[in-house]
Amino acid sequence: MFWKRHDTKSGAQALIALSGLGDAQWETGTPRRLFEAGFRQNPISYRCIRMIAETAASVPVRLVSEHDATDGKTLIRLLTNPSAGETGHSLLEAIYGDLQVSGNAFLELVRRGDDALVGLQRIPVGAIDVLKGRAGYAIRTANGRRIIRPDARGWSALFHLRTLDPGSERLSMSPLQAAGRAVEIHNAGASWAKALMDNAARPSGALIYGRDGNHLTPDQFDRLKSQLEDAHSGARNAGRPLLLEGGLDWKPMGLTPTDMDFIAARRESAREIALAFGVPPMLLGIPGDNTYANYREANLAFWRLTVLPLVQRTVRGLEDWLGGAVRGEVRLKADLDAVPALGPEREALWSRLSAADFLSEDEKREIAGFAPREVRHAD
């Protein structure tokens, strides 16, 4: 039987132990850790969040409905100066940023004792507790908690805007959460590169001793280890010669194909982060991405596929929510005519409408997004 054979060859033999890969350790399981890793420590996701929030907030929101003069002035003031020291632009930017980081955003209408609307303020997502069922929300403050419940109509003074999440009825997931693993891989690549630079900007090596069966004594081992750490570790010691004695030999270790794949994986994770946020990698300067023919084409895709859907959904949500706080219907409009990036498309539309003789003037205005002209009756 083959397992009963005995090998009589003499000589030293080496025993090599191979171990498989362990399970990956993901550290962005909590919202706090995800925020630290994705917003504060990762340049790709940080830039994506800022680009989306700042670009979307640059689209002005106009009031276009007719209602009571007092309510109209109040809504215009809330949209332009929602609270002391804050503009409507900065408030929208914060809301869009909350949606990218946490998937949720909260706004609260502030009223005086006589029930008049005096302000509009953002509530940080971390200060919100969702009550069981549909009983409302609790806002944590320095003095305890404030409970906000919907009225008999179902309207609430706290507006909850959320991203798409079919698996949740209340709080939603965010693009940053979808990109969480790619963020960790990208951050791990940065840590690897920093560690490589800290170790003289080159891979580690091995000190070989005891070719004839000799071994270092514990004191010799501790002394050698201390000398290596003090005199030959770190970027400031790069290139310093290593003095060897007593049969020691240094064997440097070069970058393996696995190390090179690790660098490529970091670039791929950067593209995955951009994909989760809907930002074309070309706009972020990520190398190796030629999805679009030029920068202008990529920028237009960013506006059409990411920014405008976010703005329109937010405007429709604000329109419905503010309509429950005032008398009459509230109609808001995202002023796309103020967006320079959409200028070529707008000019092409106007040219086509001008050449469409089969359309009336009011029909052309409606297609272009304008209200019909006032009809004048002949005397």
Protein backbone atom coordinates (compact mmCIF):
# COMPACT_ATOMS: atom_id res chain seq x y z
CA MET A 1 0.00 0.00 0.00
CA PHE A 2 1.36 3.42 -0.90
CA TRP A 3 0.82 4.87 2.55
CA LYS A 4 3.07 2.21 4.08
CA ARG A 5 6.12 3.12 2.05
CA HIS A 6 9.07 4.65 3.88
CA ASP A 7 11.38 7.12 2.20
CA THR A 8 14.99 6.31 3.15
CA LYS A 9 16.53 9.38 1.51
CA SER A 10 18.56 11.52 3.83
CA GLY A 11 18.90 15.27 3.84
CA ALA A 12 17.23 18.35 5.26
CA GLN A 13 13.60 18.87 4.28
CA ALA A 14 11.55 22.05 4.53
CA LEU A 15 8.00 22.09 5.81
CA ILE A 16 5.85 24.76 4.18
CA ALA A 17 2.46 25.67 5.65
CA LEU A 18 -0.04 27.31 3.31
CA SER A 19 -3.14 29.00 4.58
CA GLY A 20 -6.16 30.18 2.64
CA LEU A 21 -7.62 33.63 2.69
CA GLY A 22 -9.70 34.50 5.72
CA ASP A 23 -12.97 36.34 5.66
CA ALA A 24 -12.75 40.04 4.80
CA GLN A 25 -13.07 42.40 7.74
CA TRP A 26 -15.51 45.23 6.98
CA GLU A 27 -15.46 48.11 9.44
CA THR A 28 -18.17 50.47 8.10
CA GLY A 29 -21.09 48.68 9.71
CA THR A 30 -22.35 51.66 11.73
CA PRO A 31 -23.45 55.05 10.33
CA ARG A 32 -20.73 56.80 12.32
CA ARG A 33 -17.93 54.61 10.96
CA LEU A 34 -19.36 54.90 7.45
CA PHE A 35 -19.34 58.68 7.73
CA GLU A 36 -15.76 58.75 9.00
CA ALA A 37 -14.47 56.35 6.35
CA GLY A 38 -16.50 57.68 3.43
CA PHE A 39 -16.67 61.42 4.01
CA ARG A 40 -13.71 62.37 6.18
CA GLN A 41 -11.11 59.86 4.97
CA ASN A 42 -11.87 59.05 1.33
CA PRO A 43 -11.18 61.69 -1.34
CA ILE A 44 -13.29 60.00 -4.05
CA SER A 45 -16.55 59.74 -2.08
CA TYR A 46 -15.93 63.13 -0.46
CA ARG A 47 -15.61 64.76 -3.87
CA CYS A 48 -18.69 62.93 -5.19
CA ILE A 49 -20.81 64.12 -2.24
CA ARG A 50 -19.63 67.71 -2.61
CA MET A 51 -20.08 67.73 -6.37
CA ILE A 52 -23.67 66.49 -6.17
CA ALA A 53 -24.66 68.73 -3.26
CA GLU A 54 -23.08 71.91 -4.64
CA THR A 55 -24.25 71.33 -8.22
CA ALA A 56 -27.83 70.49 -7.25
CA ALA A 57 -28.01 73.49 -4.89
CA SER A 58 -26.95 75.77 -7.75
CA VAL A 59 -30.35 75.21 -9.42
CA PRO A 60 -32.67 78.00 -8.14
CA VAL A 61 -36.10 77.02 -6.83
CA ARG A 62 -38.87 79.50 -7.77
CA LEU A 63 -42.40 79.97 -6.49
CA VAL A 64 -44.78 80.03 -9.48
CA SER A 65 -48.25 79.52 -7.93
CA GLU A 66 -50.90 82.11 -7.12
CA HIS A 67 -52.21 82.30 -3.58
CA ASP A 68 -52.79 84.64 -0.68
CA ALA A 69 -50.33 87.57 -0.76
CA THR A 70 -49.24 87.02 2.85
CA ASP A 71 -48.58 83.32 2.31
CA GLY A 72 -46.77 84.05 -0.95
CA LYS A 73 -44.38 86.49 0.72
CA THR A 74 -43.81 84.00 3.54
CA LEU A 75 -42.92 81.17 1.16
CA ILE A 76 -40.59 83.38 -0.86
CA ARG A 77 -38.83 84.42 2.36
CA LEU A 78 -38.54 80.79 3.49
CA LEU A 79 -37.00 79.78 0.17
CA THR A 80 -34.50 82.66 0.08
CA ASN A 81 -33.71 83.18 3.78
CA PRO A 82 -35.01 80.18 5.73
CA SER A 83 -33.43 81.26 9.03
CA ALA A 84 -31.10 83.85 10.48
CA GLY A 85 -27.63 83.61 8.97
CA GLU A 86 -28.58 81.00 6.38
CA THR A 87 -29.55 81.26 2.74
CA GLY A 88 -31.80 79.02 0.73
CA HIS A 89 -28.78 77.89 -1.29
CA SER A 90 -26.85 76.71 1.78
CA LEU A 91 -29.92 74.96 3.18
CA LEU A 92 -30.49 73.02 -0.05
CA GLU A 93 -26.81 72.13 -0.22
CA ALA A 94 -27.00 70.65 3.28
CA ILE A 95 -30.15 68.71 2.38
CA TYR A 96 -28.61 67.26 -0.77
CA GLY A 97 -25.50 66.35 1.21
CA ASP A 98 -27.57 64.54 3.85
CA LEU A 99 -29.25 62.49 1.12
CA GLN A 100 -25.88 61.35 -0.25
CA VAL A 101 -24.37 60.51 3.15
CA SER A 102 -27.32 58.99 5.02
CA GLY A 103 -30.11 58.60 2.46
CA ASN A 104 -32.39 60.81 4.57
CA ALA A 105 -32.89 64.53 5.12
CA PHE A 106 -35.15 66.42 7.53
CA LEU A 107 -36.59 69.95 7.46
CA GLU A 108 -38.74 71.55 10.15
CA LEU A 109 -41.10 74.51 9.86
CA VAL A 110 -40.69 76.93 12.76
CA ARG A 111 -43.79 78.78 13.98
CA ARG A 112 -44.42 81.62 16.43
CA GLY A 113 -46.94 81.50 19.22
CA ASP A 114 -49.61 82.89 16.89
CA ASP A 115 -48.94 79.98 14.49
CA ALA A 116 -47.25 82.22 11.91
CA LEU A 117 -44.41 80.70 9.89
CA VAL A 118 -41.11 82.30 10.84
CA GLY A 119 -38.41 79.91 9.64
CA LEU A 120 -37.24 76.71 8.04
CA GLN A 121 -34.43 74.71 9.59
CA ARG A 122 -32.52 71.52 8.86
CA ILE A 123 -32.50 68.81 11.50
CA PRO A 124 -29.39 66.59 11.49
CA VAL A 125 -30.21 62.98 10.70
CA GLY A 126 -28.31 61.82 13.78
CA ALA A 127 -30.69 63.76 16.02
CA ILE A 128 -33.81 61.96 14.72
CA ASP A 129 -35.47 58.94 16.32
CA VAL A 130 -38.26 57.25 14.38
CA LEU A 131 -41.25 56.40 16.56
CA LYS A 132 -42.90 53.02 16.19
CA GLY A 133 -45.58 52.64 13.58
CA ARG A 134 -46.40 55.97 11.99
CA ALA A 135 -46.56 57.93 15.23
CA GLY A 136 -44.04 60.54 14.07
CA TYR A 137 -40.50 61.44 15.01
CA ALA A 138 -38.55 62.42 18.12
CA ILE A 139 -35.85 65.09 17.89
CA ARG A 140 -33.08 64.83 20.48
CA THR A 141 -32.11 68.18 22.00
CA ALA A 142 -29.91 69.36 24.86
CA ASN A 143 -33.00 69.48 27.09
CA GLY A 144 -34.45 66.10 26.15
CA ARG A 145 -36.62 65.08 23.22
CA ARG A 146 -39.27 66.89 21.16
CA ILE A 147 -42.01 64.73 19.69
CA ILE A 148 -43.46 65.76 16.32
CA ARG A 149 -46.58 63.91 15.24
CA PRO A 150 -48.70 64.28 12.08
CA ASP A 151 -52.00 66.10 12.37
CA ALA A 152 -55.44 64.77 11.43
CA ARG A 153 -54.71 65.36 7.73
CA GLY A 154 -51.47 63.37 7.96
CA TRP A 155 -49.37 66.52 7.52
CA SER A 156 -46.33 67.01 9.77
CA ALA A 157 -44.19 70.04 10.57
CA LEU A 158 -41.17 67.79 10.03
CA PHE A 159 -40.49 67.00 6.38
CA HIS A 160 -38.71 63.71 5.69
CA LEU A 161 -37.01 63.46 2.31
CA ARG A 162 -35.52 60.07 1.47
CA THR A 163 -33.71 58.27 -1.32
CA LEU A 164 -35.04 55.16 -3.03
CA ASP A 165 -35.04 52.13 -0.74
CA PRO A 166 -37.77 49.53 -1.45
CA GLY A 167 -36.67 47.49 1.56
CA SER A 168 -37.47 50.15 4.17
CA GLU A 169 -40.64 52.04 5.03
CA ARG A 170 -39.03 54.79 7.11
CA LEU A 171 -35.26 55.39 6.95
CA SER A 172 -33.47 54.78 3.65
CA MET A 173 -30.00 53.66 2.67
CA SER A 174 -27.64 56.10 1.01
CA PRO A 175 -25.33 56.02 -2.02
CA LEU A 176 -22.43 56.11 0.45
CA GLN A 177 -23.72 52.91 2.05
CA ALA A 178 -23.88 51.21 -1.36
CA ALA A 179 -20.27 52.29 -1.95
CA GLY A 180 -19.17 51.27 1.55
CA ARG A 181 -17.08 48.25 0.59
CA ALA A 182 -15.43 50.04 -2.31
CA VAL A 183 -14.61 52.87 0.11
CA GLU A 184 -12.94 50.45 2.50
CA ILE A 185 -10.88 48.87 -0.29
CA HIS A 186 -9.78 52.30 -1.48
CA ASN A 187 -8.88 53.38 2.06
CA ALA A 188 -6.99 50.12 2.62
CA GLY A 189 -4.99 50.85 -0.53
CA ALA A 190 -4.06 54.26 0.83
CA SER A 191 -2.95 52.70 4.12
CA TRP A 192 -0.89 50.13 2.21
CA ALA A 193 0.83 52.84 0.16
CA LYS A 194 1.54 54.88 3.31
CA ALA A 195 3.00 51.84 5.07
CA LEU A 196 5.17 51.15 2.03
CA MET A 197 6.53 54.71 2.13
CA ASP A 198 7.10 54.50 5.87
CA ASN A 199 9.24 51.43 5.23
CA ALA A 200 11.81 53.26 3.07
CA ALA A 201 9.41 53.40 0.11
CA ARG A 202 10.28 49.86 -0.87
CA PRO A 203 9.01 46.37 -0.02
CA SER A 204 10.32 44.67 3.08
CA GLY A 205 13.14 42.17 3.06
CA ALA A 206 14.39 39.29 5.18
CA LEU A 207 17.51 38.86 7.29
CA ILE A 208 18.81 35.30 6.88
CA TYR A 209 20.94 33.68 9.58
CA GLY A 210 21.80 30.15 10.56
CA ARG A 211 22.54 28.45 7.28
CA ASP A 212 24.64 25.88 9.16
CA GLY A 213 22.06 25.24 11.85
CA ASN A 214 23.14 28.14 14.08
CA HIS A 215 20.62 30.32 15.84
CA LEU A 216 20.71 33.74 17.44
CA THR A 217 20.53 33.92 21.18
CA PRO A 218 17.55 35.84 22.65
CA ASP A 219 19.81 38.80 23.53
CA GLN A 220 21.28 38.90 20.03
CA PHE A 221 17.81 38.71 18.47
CA ASP A 222 16.47 41.58 20.63
CA ARG A 223 19.55 43.73 19.90
CA LEU A 224 19.28 43.15 16.14
CA LYS A 225 15.56 43.89 16.12
CA SER A 226 16.10 47.13 18.05
CA GLN A 227 18.85 48.28 15.66
CA LEU A 228 16.66 47.63 12.62
CA GLU A 229 13.74 49.55 14.06
CA ASP A 230 15.85 52.54 15.17
CA ALA A 231 18.28 52.91 12.27
CA HIS A 232 16.65 51.39 9.20
CA SER A 233 12.86 51.87 9.47
CA GLY A 234 10.87 54.83 8.23
CA ALA A 235 11.07 57.17 5.26
CA ARG A 236 13.86 59.28 6.82
CA ASN A 237 16.17 56.24 6.80
CA ALA A 238 15.59 55.39 3.14
CA GLY A 239 18.80 54.28 1.41
CA ARG A 240 20.86 53.95 4.59
CA PRO A 241 23.32 51.05 4.21
CA LEU A 242 22.81 48.01 6.38
CA LEU A 243 25.99 46.74 8.12
CA LEU A 244 25.84 42.96 8.47
CA GLU A 245 28.10 40.73 10.56
CA GLY A 246 28.24 37.26 11.93
CA GLY A 247 26.92 35.44 8.88
CA LEU A 248 23.85 37.62 8.34
CA ASP A 249 22.51 38.01 4.82
CA TRP A 250 19.85 40.43 3.52
CA LYS A 251 17.37 39.27 0.89
CA PRO A 252 15.15 42.04 -0.52
CA MET A 253 11.60 41.20 -1.63
CA GLY A 254 10.26 42.89 -4.75
CA LEU A 255 6.69 43.75 -5.68
CA THR A 256 4.82 40.61 -6.62
CA PRO A 257 2.03 40.41 -9.22
CA THR A 258 -0.36 40.31 -6.26
CA ASP A 259 0.96 43.67 -5.07
CA MET A 260 0.46 45.13 -8.52
CA ASP A 261 -3.11 43.78 -8.60
CA PHE A 262 -3.65 45.51 -5.28
CA ILE A 263 -2.85 48.86 -6.89
CA ALA A 264 -5.23 48.11 -9.77
CA ALA A 265 -7.94 47.12 -7.29
CA ARG A 266 -7.69 50.54 -5.67
CA ARG A 267 -8.32 52.24 -9.00
CA GLU A 268 -11.25 49.93 -9.70
CA SER A 269 -12.74 50.69 -6.28
CA ALA A 270 -12.53 54.40 -7.10
CA ARG A 271 -14.63 53.77 -10.22
CA GLU A 272 -17.13 51.77 -8.17
CA ILE A 273 -17.49 54.65 -5.70
CA ALA A 274 -18.18 57.07 -8.55
CA LEU A 275 -20.69 54.60 -10.02
CA ALA A 276 -22.62 54.37 -6.74
CA PHE A 277 -22.99 58.16 -6.60
CA GLY A 278 -23.74 58.58 -10.30
CA VAL A 279 -20.68 60.72 -11.03
CA PRO A 280 -18.81 59.99 -14.29
CA PRO A 281 -15.23 58.97 -13.36
CA MET A 282 -13.91 61.32 -16.03
CA LEU A 283 -15.11 64.29 -13.93
CA LEU A 284 -13.05 63.01 -10.99
CA GLY A 285 -9.85 62.52 -12.95
CA ILE A 286 -9.78 58.75 -12.36
CA PRO A 287 -7.20 57.24 -14.76
CA GLY A 288 -8.14 54.60 -17.27
CA ASP A 289 -11.77 55.64 -17.80
CA ASN A 290 -12.83 56.68 -21.29
CA THR A 291 -16.57 56.08 -21.07
CA TYR A 292 -17.37 59.48 -22.57
CA ALA A 293 -15.84 61.11 -25.63
CA ASN A 294 -15.02 64.33 -23.82
CA TYR A 295 -15.45 66.23 -20.59
CA ARG A 296 -18.46 68.18 -21.85
CA GLU A 297 -20.34 64.99 -22.69
CA ALA A 298 -19.57 63.52 -19.26
CA ASN A 299 -20.69 66.71 -17.52
CA LEU A 300 -24.00 66.73 -19.41
CA ALA A 301 -24.59 63.09 -18.44
CA PHE A 302 -23.90 64.00 -14.81
CA TRP A 303 -26.55 66.74 -14.96
CA ARG A 304 -29.15 64.66 -16.76
CA LEU A 305 -28.74 61.35 -14.94
CA THR A 306 -27.84 62.44 -11.41
CA VAL A 307 -28.42 66.10 -10.59
CA LEU A 308 -31.74 66.88 -12.29
CA PRO A 309 -33.62 63.79 -10.98
CA LEU A 310 -32.45 64.67 -7.46
CA VAL A 311 -33.52 68.31 -7.83
CA GLN A 312 -36.92 67.47 -9.33
CA ARG A 313 -37.71 64.92 -6.62
CA THR A 314 -36.74 67.41 -3.91
CA VAL A 315 -38.79 70.23 -5.46
CA ARG A 316 -41.89 68.02 -5.78
CA GLY A 317 -41.51 66.93 -2.15
CA LEU A 318 -41.14 70.53 -0.91
CA GLU A 319 -44.12 71.57 -3.03
CA ASP A 320 -46.40 68.97 -1.45
CA TRP A 321 -45.12 69.61 2.08
CA LEU A 322 -45.34 73.41 2.00
CA GLY A 323 -48.81 73.15 0.48
CA GLY A 324 -50.03 71.67 3.74
CA ALA A 325 -48.75 74.66 5.73
CA VAL A 326 -50.40 77.53 3.80
CA ARG A 327 -53.69 78.34 2.15
CA GLY A 328 -54.02 77.45 -1.50
CA GLU A 329 -51.95 75.32 -3.85
CA VAL A 330 -48.18 75.65 -3.84
CA ARG A 331 -46.28 75.22 -7.09
CA LEU A 332 -42.49 75.31 -7.17
CA LYS A 333 -40.21 75.17 -10.18
CA ALA A 334 -36.55 74.31 -10.61
CA ASP A 335 -35.25 77.12 -12.81
CA LEU A 336 -33.24 75.13 -15.37
CA ASP A 337 -32.82 78.24 -17.53
CA ALA A 338 -30.28 79.42 -14.94
CA VAL A 339 -28.09 76.35 -15.49
CA PRO A 340 -25.22 77.17 -17.92
CA ALA A 341 -24.43 73.49 -18.54
CA LEU A 342 -27.86 72.99 -20.13
CA GLY A 343 -27.55 76.02 -22.41
CA PRO A 344 -26.75 74.09 -25.64
CA GLU A 345 -29.74 71.79 -25.13
CA ARG A 346 -31.98 74.76 -24.40
CA GLU A 347 -30.87 76.59 -27.54
CA ALA A 348 -31.48 73.48 -29.65
CA LEU A 349 -35.01 73.19 -28.23
CA TRP A 350 -35.80 76.81 -28.99
CA SER A 351 -34.55 76.40 -32.55
CA ARG A 352 -36.78 73.38 -33.10
CA LEU A 353 -39.79 75.19 -31.61
CA SER A 354 -39.19 78.26 -33.77
CA ALA A 355 -39.25 76.07 -36.87
CA ALA A 356 -42.44 74.22 -35.80
CA ASP A 357 -45.07 76.20 -37.71
CA PHE A 358 -47.80 73.69 -36.82
CA LEU A 359 -47.68 74.69 -33.13
CA SER A 360 -49.36 77.73 -31.64
CA GLU A 361 -47.39 80.23 -29.58
CA ASP A 362 -48.90 79.01 -26.31
CA GLU A 363 -48.13 75.39 -27.23
CA LYS A 364 -44.52 76.31 -27.87
CA ARG A 365 -44.33 78.16 -24.56
CA GLU A 366 -45.77 75.16 -22.75
CA ILE A 367 -43.18 72.81 -24.28
CA ALA A 368 -40.42 75.25 -23.35
CA GLY A 369 -41.68 75.37 -19.76
CA PHE A 370 -43.29 78.83 -19.77
CA ALA A 371 -46.81 79.87 -18.85
CA PRO A 372 -49.23 80.87 -21.67
CA ARG A 373 -49.44 84.52 -22.57
CA GLU A 374 -52.33 86.47 -21.10
CA VAL A 375 -55.31 86.35 -23.48
CA ARG A 376 -56.53 89.81 -24.51
CA HIS A 377 -60.14 90.17 -25.62
CA ALA A 378 -60.99 92.60 -28.41
CA ASP A 379 -63.25 95.49 -27.48
